[in-house]
């Protein structure tokens, strides 16, 4: 009986998306500190929008990659 649903893949993609977003946030903060940029309300909103978009894109890309990998493996016998 094969496993169905993809809950494990979805959870792994969620964590992977958080990891990518965290690394991007640290890089953005590091660049801001090194450049001496004062974060105002507009910059904060723009950074939140960029990080949200990065999280969605990374999570979706990881999930689709894991699903595709699972389909190619399920067709082969071990």
PDB file of N, CA and C in Angstrom:
ATOM      1  N   UNK A   1       0.848  -1.172   0.000  1.00  0.00           N
ATOM      2  CA  UNK A   1       0.000   0.000   0.000  1.00  0.00           C
ATOM      3  C   UNK A   1       0.892   1.232   0.000  1.00  0.00           C
ATOM      4  N   UNK A   2       0.713   2.099  -0.962  1.00  0.00           N
ATOM      5  CA  UNK A   2       1.531   3.300  -1.082  1.00  0.00           C
ATOM      6  C   UNK A   2       1.017   4.441  -0.224  1.00  0.00           C
ATOM      7  N   UNK A   3       1.900   5.324   0.102  1.00  0.00           N
ATOM      8  CA  UNK A   3       1.539   6.503   0.891  1.00  0.00           C
ATOM      9  C   UNK A   3       0.935   7.541  -0.044  1.00  0.00           C
ATOM     10  N   UNK A   4      -0.124   8.194   0.413  1.00  0.00           N
ATOM     11  CA  UNK A   4      -0.797   9.206  -0.409  1.00  0.00           C
ATOM     12  C   UNK A   4      -0.879  10.518   0.349  1.00  0.00           C
ATOM     13  N   UNK A   5      -1.154  11.570  -0.365  1.00  0.00           N
ATOM     14  CA  UNK A   5      -1.447  12.837   0.278  1.00  0.00           C
ATOM     15  C   UNK A   5      -0.360  13.876   0.133  1.00  0.00           C
ATOM     16  N   UNK A   6       0.858  13.579   0.471  1.00  0.00           N
ATOM     17  CA  UNK A   6       1.946  14.533   0.356  1.00  0.00           C
ATOM     18  C   UNK A   6       2.098  15.438   1.558  1.00  0.00           C
ATOM     19  N   UNK A   7       1.604  14.996   2.726  1.00  0.00           N
ATOM     20  CA  UNK A   7       1.720  15.836   3.916  1.00  0.00           C
ATOM     21  C   UNK A   7       3.178  16.050   4.317  1.00  0.00           C
ATOM     22  N   UNK A   8       3.981  15.010   4.208  1.00  0.00           N
ATOM     23  CA  UNK A   8       5.398  15.130   4.564  1.00  0.00           C
ATOM     24  C   UNK A   8       6.110  16.100   3.631  1.00  0.00           C
ATOM     25  N   UNK A   9       5.798  15.995   2.350  1.00  0.00           N
ATOM     26  CA  UNK A   9       6.402  16.910   1.384  1.00  0.00           C
ATOM     27  C   UNK A   9       5.985  18.353   1.650  1.00  0.00           C
ATOM     28  N   UNK A  10       4.720  18.549   1.996  1.00  0.00           N
ATOM     29  CA  UNK A  10       4.230  19.901   2.274  1.00  0.00           C
ATOM     30  C   UNK A  10       4.908  20.481   3.512  1.00  0.00           C
ATOM     31  N   UNK A  11       5.080  19.670   4.543  1.00  0.00           N
ATOM     32  CA  UNK A  11       5.733  20.153   5.757  1.00  0.00           C
ATOM     33  C   UNK A  11       7.204  20.458   5.499  1.00  0.00           C
ATOM     34  N   UNK A  12       7.880  19.597   4.747  1.00  0.00           N
ATOM     35  CA  UNK A  12       9.283  19.834   4.418  1.00  0.00           C
ATOM     36  C   UNK A  12       9.425  21.100   3.573  1.00  0.00           C
ATOM     37  N   UNK A  13       8.496  21.319   2.657  1.00  0.00           N
ATOM     38  CA  UNK A  13       8.534  22.529   1.832  1.00  0.00           C
ATOM     39  C   UNK A  13       8.283  23.777   2.682  1.00  0.00           C
ATOM     40  N   UNK A  14       7.378  23.679   3.650  1.00  0.00           N
ATOM     41  CA  UNK A  14       7.106  24.795   4.550  1.00  0.00           C
ATOM     42  C   UNK A  14       8.361  25.166   5.329  1.00  0.00           C
ATOM     43  N   UNK A  15       9.035  24.160   5.895  1.00  0.00           N
ATOM     44  CA  UNK A  15      10.262  24.426   6.649  1.00  0.00           C
ATOM     45  C   UNK A  15      11.373  24.947   5.744  1.00  0.00           C
ATOM     46  N   UNK A  16      11.477  24.395   4.551  1.00  0.00           N
ATOM     47  CA  UNK A  16      12.477  24.880   3.605  1.00  0.00           C
ATOM     48  C   UNK A  16      12.231  26.327   3.204  1.00  0.00           C
ATOM     49  N   UNK A  17      10.966  26.676   3.007  1.00  0.00           N
ATOM     50  CA  UNK A  17      10.615  28.061   2.691  1.00  0.00           C
ATOM     51  C   UNK A  17      10.964  29.001   3.824  1.00  0.00           C
ATOM     52  N   UNK A  18      10.720  28.559   5.061  1.00  0.00           N
ATOM     53  CA  UNK A  18      11.100  29.379   6.213  1.00  0.00           C
ATOM     54  C   UNK A  18      12.615  29.552   6.296  1.00  0.00           C
ATOM     55  N   UNK A  19      13.355  28.493   5.995  1.00  0.00           N
ATOM     56  CA  UNK A  19      14.813  28.573   6.026  1.00  0.00           C
ATOM     57  C   UNK A  19      15.326  29.564   4.983  1.00  0.00           C
ATOM     58  N   UNK A  20      14.808  29.476   3.781  1.00  0.00           N
ATOM     59  CA  UNK A  20      15.227  30.398   2.715  1.00  0.00           C
ATOM     60  C   UNK A  20      14.886  31.838   3.093  1.00  0.00           C
ATOM     61  N   UNK A  21      13.695  32.041   3.636  1.00  0.00           N
ATOM     62  CA  UNK A  21      13.279  33.390   4.028  1.00  0.00           C
ATOM     63  C   UNK A  21      14.140  33.923   5.163  1.00  0.00           C
ATOM     64  N   UNK A  22      14.486  33.072   6.111  1.00  0.00           N
ATOM     65  CA  UNK A  22      15.339  33.498   7.219  1.00  0.00           C
ATOM     66  C   UNK A  22      16.727  33.905   6.753  1.00  0.00           C
ATOM     67  N   UNK A  23      17.284  33.127   5.846  1.00  0.00           N
ATOM     68  CA  UNK A  23      18.608  33.464   5.313  1.00  0.00           C
ATOM     69  C   UNK A  23      18.544  34.774   4.526  1.00  0.00           C
ATOM     70  N   UNK A  24      17.489  34.951   3.749  1.00  0.00           N
ATOM     71  CA  UNK A  24      17.324  36.197   2.992  1.00  0.00           C
ATOM     72  C   UNK A  24      17.151  37.384   3.935  1.00  0.00           C
ATOM     73  N   UNK A  25      16.386  37.214   5.005  1.00  0.00           N
ATOM     74  CA  UNK A  25      16.191  38.300   5.968  1.00  0.00           C
ATOM     75  C   UNK A  25      17.507  38.676   6.635  1.00  0.00           C
ATOM     76  N   UNK A  26      18.296  37.682   7.009  1.00  0.00           N
ATOM     77  CA  UNK A  26      19.597  37.976   7.611  1.00  0.00           C
ATOM     78  C   UNK A  26      20.508  38.707   6.635  1.00  0.00           C
ATOM     79  N   UNK A  27      20.479  38.307   5.376  1.00  0.00           N
ATOM     80  CA  UNK A  27      21.298  38.980   4.370  1.00  0.00           C
ATOM     81  C   UNK A  27      20.836  40.434   4.185  1.00  0.00           C
ATOM     82  N   UNK A  28      19.523  40.639   4.173  1.00  0.00           N
ATOM     83  CA  UNK A  28      19.005  42.003   4.011  1.00  0.00           C
ATOM     84  C   UNK A  28      19.379  42.890   5.202  1.00  0.00           C
ATOM     85  N   UNK A  29      19.290  42.346   6.392  1.00  0.00           N
ATOM     86  CA  UNK A  29      19.668  43.105   7.594  1.00  0.00           C
ATOM     87  C   UNK A  29      21.163  43.401   7.577  1.00  0.00           C
ATOM     88  N   UNK A  30      21.961  42.414   7.196  1.00  0.00           N
ATOM     89  CA  UNK A  30      23.409  42.612   7.132  1.00  0.00           C
ATOM     90  C   UNK A  30      23.797  43.693   6.154  1.00  0.00           C
ATOM     91  N   UNK A  31      23.186  43.685   4.980  1.00  0.00           N
ATOM     92  CA  UNK A  31      23.475  44.718   3.984  1.00  0.00           C
ATOM     93  C   UNK A  31      23.024  46.080   4.496  1.00  0.00           C
ATOM     94  N   UNK A  32      21.872  46.121   5.143  1.00  0.00           N
ATOM     95  CA  UNK A  32      21.379  47.392   5.683  1.00  0.00           C
ATOM     96  C   UNK A  32      22.285  47.955   6.758  1.00  0.00           C
ATOM     97  N   UNK A  33      22.799  47.074   7.620  1.00  0.00           N
ATOM     98  CA  UNK A  33      23.700  47.531   8.687  1.00  0.00           C
ATOM     99  C   UNK A  33      25.029  47.994   8.103  1.00  0.00           C
ATOM    100  N   UNK A  34      25.567  47.219   7.175  1.00  0.00           N
ATOM    101  CA  UNK A  34      26.850  47.598   6.577  1.00  0.00           C
ATOM    102  C   UNK A  34      26.750  48.887   5.771  1.00  0.00           C
ATOM    103  N   UNK A  35      25.616  49.116   5.136  1.00  0.00           N
ATOM    104  CA  UNK A  35      25.450  50.326   4.330  1.00  0.00           C
ATOM    105  C   UNK A  35      24.993  51.514   5.168  1.00  0.00           C
ATOM    106  N   UNK A  36      24.623  51.271   6.404  1.00  0.00           N
ATOM    107  CA  UNK A  36      24.182  52.350   7.285  1.00  0.00           C
ATOM    108  C   UNK A  36      22.816  52.907   6.924  1.00  0.00           C
ATOM    109  N   UNK A  37      21.935  52.053   6.441  1.00  0.00           N
ATOM    110  CA  UNK A  37      20.599  52.492   6.024  1.00  0.00           C
ATOM    111  C   UNK A  37      19.680  52.526   7.240  1.00  0.00           C
ATOM    112  N   UNK A  38      18.970  53.633   7.409  1.00  0.00           N
ATOM    113  CA  UNK A  38      18.019  53.767   8.506  1.00  0.00           C
ATOM    114  C   UNK A  38      16.669  53.221   8.048  1.00  0.00           C
ATOM    115  N   UNK A  39      16.176  52.150   8.682  1.00  0.00           N
ATOM    116  CA  UNK A  39      14.912  51.553   8.222  1.00  0.00           C
ATOM    117  C   UNK A  39      13.710  52.405   8.626  1.00  0.00           C
ATOM    118  N   UNK A  40      13.042  52.914   7.645  1.00  0.00           N
ATOM    119  CA  UNK A  40      11.819  53.681   7.882  1.00  0.00           C
ATOM    120  C   UNK A  40      10.607  52.791   7.670  1.00  0.00           C
ATOM    121  N   UNK A  41       9.420  53.344   7.814  1.00  0.00           N
ATOM    122  CA  UNK A  41       8.218  52.524   7.661  1.00  0.00           C
ATOM    123  C   UNK A  41       8.018  52.006   6.239  1.00  0.00           C
ATOM    124  N   UNK A  42       8.423  52.777   5.245  1.00  0.00           N
ATOM    125  CA  UNK A  42       8.272  52.304   3.866  1.00  0.00           C
ATOM    126  C   UNK A  42       9.236  51.161   3.567  1.00  0.00           C
ATOM    127  N   UNK A  43      10.466  51.285   4.066  1.00  0.00           N
ATOM    128  CA  UNK A  43      11.443  50.220   3.857  1.00  0.00           C
ATOM    129  C   UNK A  43      11.028  48.949   4.590  1.00  0.00           C
ATOM    130  N   UNK A  44      10.458  49.097   5.765  1.00  0.00           N
ATOM    131  CA  UNK A  44      10.002  47.941   6.530  1.00  0.00           C
ATOM    132  C   UNK A  44       8.881  47.218   5.794  1.00  0.00           C
ATOM    133  N   UNK A  45       7.945  47.974   5.238  1.00  0.00           N
ATOM    134  CA  UNK A  45       6.850  47.360   4.473  1.00  0.00           C
ATOM    135  C   UNK A  45       7.362  46.697   3.206  1.00  0.00           C
ATOM    136  N   UNK A  46       8.309  47.326   2.549  1.00  0.00           N
ATOM    137  CA  UNK A  46       8.877  46.742   1.332  1.00  0.00           C
ATOM    138  C   UNK A  46       9.631  45.455   1.656  1.00  0.00           C
ATOM    139  N   UNK A  47      10.377  45.463   2.751  1.00  0.00           N
ATOM    140  CA  UNK A  47      11.102  44.253   3.155  1.00  0.00           C
ATOM    141  C   UNK A  47      10.131  43.134   3.506  1.00  0.00           C
ATOM    142  N   UNK A  48       9.034  43.460   4.179  1.00  0.00           N
ATOM    143  CA  UNK A  48       8.034  42.438   4.507  1.00  0.00           C
ATOM    144  C   UNK A  48       7.411  41.860   3.237  1.00  0.00           C
ATOM    145  N   UNK A  49       7.153  42.704   2.247  1.00  0.00           N
ATOM    146  CA  UNK A  49       6.585  42.224   0.990  1.00  0.00           C
ATOM    147  C   UNK A  49       7.567  41.309   0.254  1.00  0.00           C
ATOM    148  N   UNK A  50       8.832  41.694   0.233  1.00  0.00           N
ATOM    149  CA  UNK A  50       9.847  40.872  -0.433  1.00  0.00           C
ATOM    150  C   UNK A  50       9.998  39.526   0.271  1.00  0.00           C
ATOM    151  N   UNK A  51      10.039  39.540   1.592  1.00  0.00           N
ATOM    152  CA  UNK A  51      10.198  38.294   2.339  1.00  0.00           C
ATOM    153  C   UNK A  51       8.976  37.391   2.197  1.00  0.00           C
ATOM    154  N   UNK A  52       7.795  37.970   2.162  1.00  0.00           N
ATOM    155  CA  UNK A  52       6.591  37.162   1.961  1.00  0.00           C
ATOM    156  C   UNK A  52       6.592  36.514   0.587  1.00  0.00           C
ATOM    157  N   UNK A  53       6.941  37.282  -0.425  1.00  0.00           N
ATOM    158  CA  UNK A  53       7.008  36.731  -1.777  1.00  0.00           C
ATOM    159  C   UNK A  53       8.076  35.654  -1.880  1.00  0.00           C
ATOM    160  N   UNK A  54       9.216  35.866  -1.248  1.00  0.00           N
ATOM    161  CA  UNK A  54      10.293  34.865  -1.276  1.00  0.00           C
ATOM    162  C   UNK A  54       9.853  33.582  -0.578  1.00  0.00           C
ATOM    163  N   UNK A  55       9.112  33.713   0.517  1.00  0.00           N
ATOM    164  CA  UNK A  55       8.653  32.523   1.231  1.00  0.00           C
ATOM    165  C   UNK A  55       7.673  31.719   0.377  1.00  0.00           C
ATOM    166  N   UNK A  56       6.741  32.408  -0.268  1.00  0.00           N
ATOM    167  CA  UNK A  56       5.755  31.716  -1.103  1.00  0.00           C
ATOM    168  C   UNK A  56       6.431  31.017  -2.273  1.00  0.00           C
ATOM    169  N   UNK A  57       7.322  31.718  -2.951  1.00  0.00           N
ATOM    170  CA  UNK A  57       7.995  31.143  -4.119  1.00  0.00           C
ATOM    171  C   UNK A  57       8.887  29.963  -3.711  1.00  0.00           C
ATOM    172  N   UNK A  58       9.644  30.116  -2.639  1.00  0.00           N
ATOM    173  CA  UNK A  58      10.532  29.032  -2.196  1.00  0.00           C
ATOM    174  C   UNK A  58       9.739  27.819  -1.748  1.00  0.00           C
ATOM    175  N   UNK A  59       8.670  28.036  -1.004  1.00  0.00           N
ATOM    176  CA  UNK A  59       7.854  26.909  -0.536  1.00  0.00           C
ATOM    177  C   UNK A  59       7.231  26.173  -1.710  1.00  0.00           C
ATOM    178  N   UNK A  60       6.688  26.898  -2.656  1.00  0.00           N
ATOM    179  CA  UNK A  60       6.080  26.265  -3.822  1.00  0.00           C
ATOM    180  C   UNK A  60       7.115  25.517  -4.653  1.00  0.00           C
ATOM    181  N   UNK A  61       8.275  26.113  -4.864  1.00  0.00           N
ATOM    182  CA  UNK A  61       9.320  25.459  -5.661  1.00  0.00           C
ATOM    183  C   UNK A  61       9.807  24.183  -4.987  1.00  0.00           C
ATOM    184  N   UNK A  62      10.012  24.226  -3.689  1.00  0.00           N
ATOM    185  CA  UNK A  62      10.468  23.031  -2.971  1.00  0.00           C
ATOM    186  C   UNK A  62       9.398  21.956  -2.998  1.00  0.00           C
ATOM    187  N   UNK A  63       8.145  22.338  -2.778  1.00  0.00           N
ATOM    188  CA  UNK A  63       7.049  21.364  -2.778  1.00  0.00           C
ATOM    189  C   UNK A  63       6.920  20.684  -4.134  1.00  0.00           C
ATOM    190  N   UNK A  64       6.927  21.477  -5.203  1.00  0.00           N
ATOM    191  CA  UNK A  64       6.808  20.880  -6.534  1.00  0.00           C
ATOM    192  C   UNK A  64       7.989  19.969  -6.850  1.00  0.00           C
ATOM    193  N   UNK A  65       9.165  20.345  -6.403  1.00  0.00           N
ATOM    194  CA  UNK A  65      10.337  19.500  -6.625  1.00  0.00           C
ATOM    195  C   UNK A  65      10.220  18.172  -5.876  1.00  0.00           C
ATOM    196  N   UNK A  66       9.750  18.238  -4.624  1.00  0.00           N
ATOM    197  CA  UNK A  66       9.582  17.014  -3.836  1.00  0.00           C
ATOM    198  C   UNK A  66       8.496  16.116  -4.413  1.00  0.00           C
ATOM    199  N   UNK A  67       7.407  16.700  -4.874  1.00  0.00           N
ATOM    200  CA  UNK A  67       6.325  15.911  -5.481  1.00  0.00           C
ATOM    201  C   UNK A  67       6.824  15.241  -6.763  1.00  0.00           C
ATOM    202  N   UNK A  68       7.560  15.974  -7.584  1.00  0.00           N
ATOM    203  CA  UNK A  68       8.080  15.401  -8.827  1.00  0.00           C
ATOM    204  C   UNK A  68       9.069  14.275  -8.526  1.00  0.00           C
ATOM    205  N   UNK A  69       9.890  14.461  -7.514  1.00  0.00           N
ATOM    206  CA  UNK A  69      10.852  13.423  -7.144  1.00  0.00           C
ATOM    207  C   UNK A  69      10.123  12.175  -6.635  1.00  0.00           C
ATOM    208  N   UNK A  70       9.059  12.375  -5.881  1.00  0.00           N
ATOM    209  CA  UNK A  70       8.289  11.250  -5.362  1.00  0.00           C
ATOM    210  C   UNK A  70       7.609  10.467  -6.461  1.00  0.00           C
ATOM    211  N   UNK A  71       7.152  11.132  -7.489  1.00  0.00           N
ATOM    212  CA  UNK A  71       6.489  10.430  -8.597  1.00  0.00           C
ATOM    213  C   UNK A  71       7.476   9.603  -9.403  1.00  0.00           C
ATOM    214  N   UNK A  72       8.684  10.107  -9.575  1.00  0.00           N
ATOM    215  CA  UNK A  72       9.659   9.334 -10.352  1.00  0.00           C
ATOM    216  C   UNK A  72      10.160   8.145  -9.558  1.00  0.00           C
ATOM    217  N   UNK A  73      10.234   8.262  -8.257  1.00  0.00           N
ATOM    218  CA  UNK A  73      10.679   7.137  -7.429  1.00  0.00           C
ATOM    219  C   UNK A  73       9.607   6.078  -7.286  1.00  0.00           C
ATOM    220  N   UNK A  74       8.326   6.466  -7.249  1.00  0.00           N
ATOM    221  CA  UNK A  74       7.273   5.486  -7.028  1.00  0.00           C
ATOM    222  C   UNK A  74       7.109   4.556  -8.227  1.00  0.00           C
ATOM    223  N   UNK A  75       7.549   4.985  -9.398  1.00  0.00           N
ATOM    224  CA  UNK A  75       7.436   4.167 -10.582  1.00  0.00           C
ATOM    225  C   UNK A  75       8.524   3.106 -10.712  1.00  0.00           C
ATOM    226  N   UNK A  76       9.564   3.201  -9.910  1.00  0.00           N
ATOM    227  CA  UNK A  76      10.665   2.235  -9.995  1.00  0.00           C
ATOM    228  C   UNK A  76      10.588   1.255  -8.841  1.00  0.00           C
ATOM    229  N   UNK A  77      11.089   0.064  -9.065  1.00  0.00           N
ATOM    230  CA  UNK A  77      11.119  -0.950  -8.003  1.00  0.00           C
ATOM    231  C   UNK A  77      12.486  -0.973  -7.365  1.00  0.00           C
ATOM    232  N   UNK A  78      12.498  -1.124  -6.038  1.00  0.00           N
ATOM    233  CA  UNK A  78      13.762  -1.189  -5.314  1.00  0.00           C
ATOM    234  C   UNK A  78      14.136  -2.616  -5.033  1.00  0.00           C
TER     235      UNK A  78
END
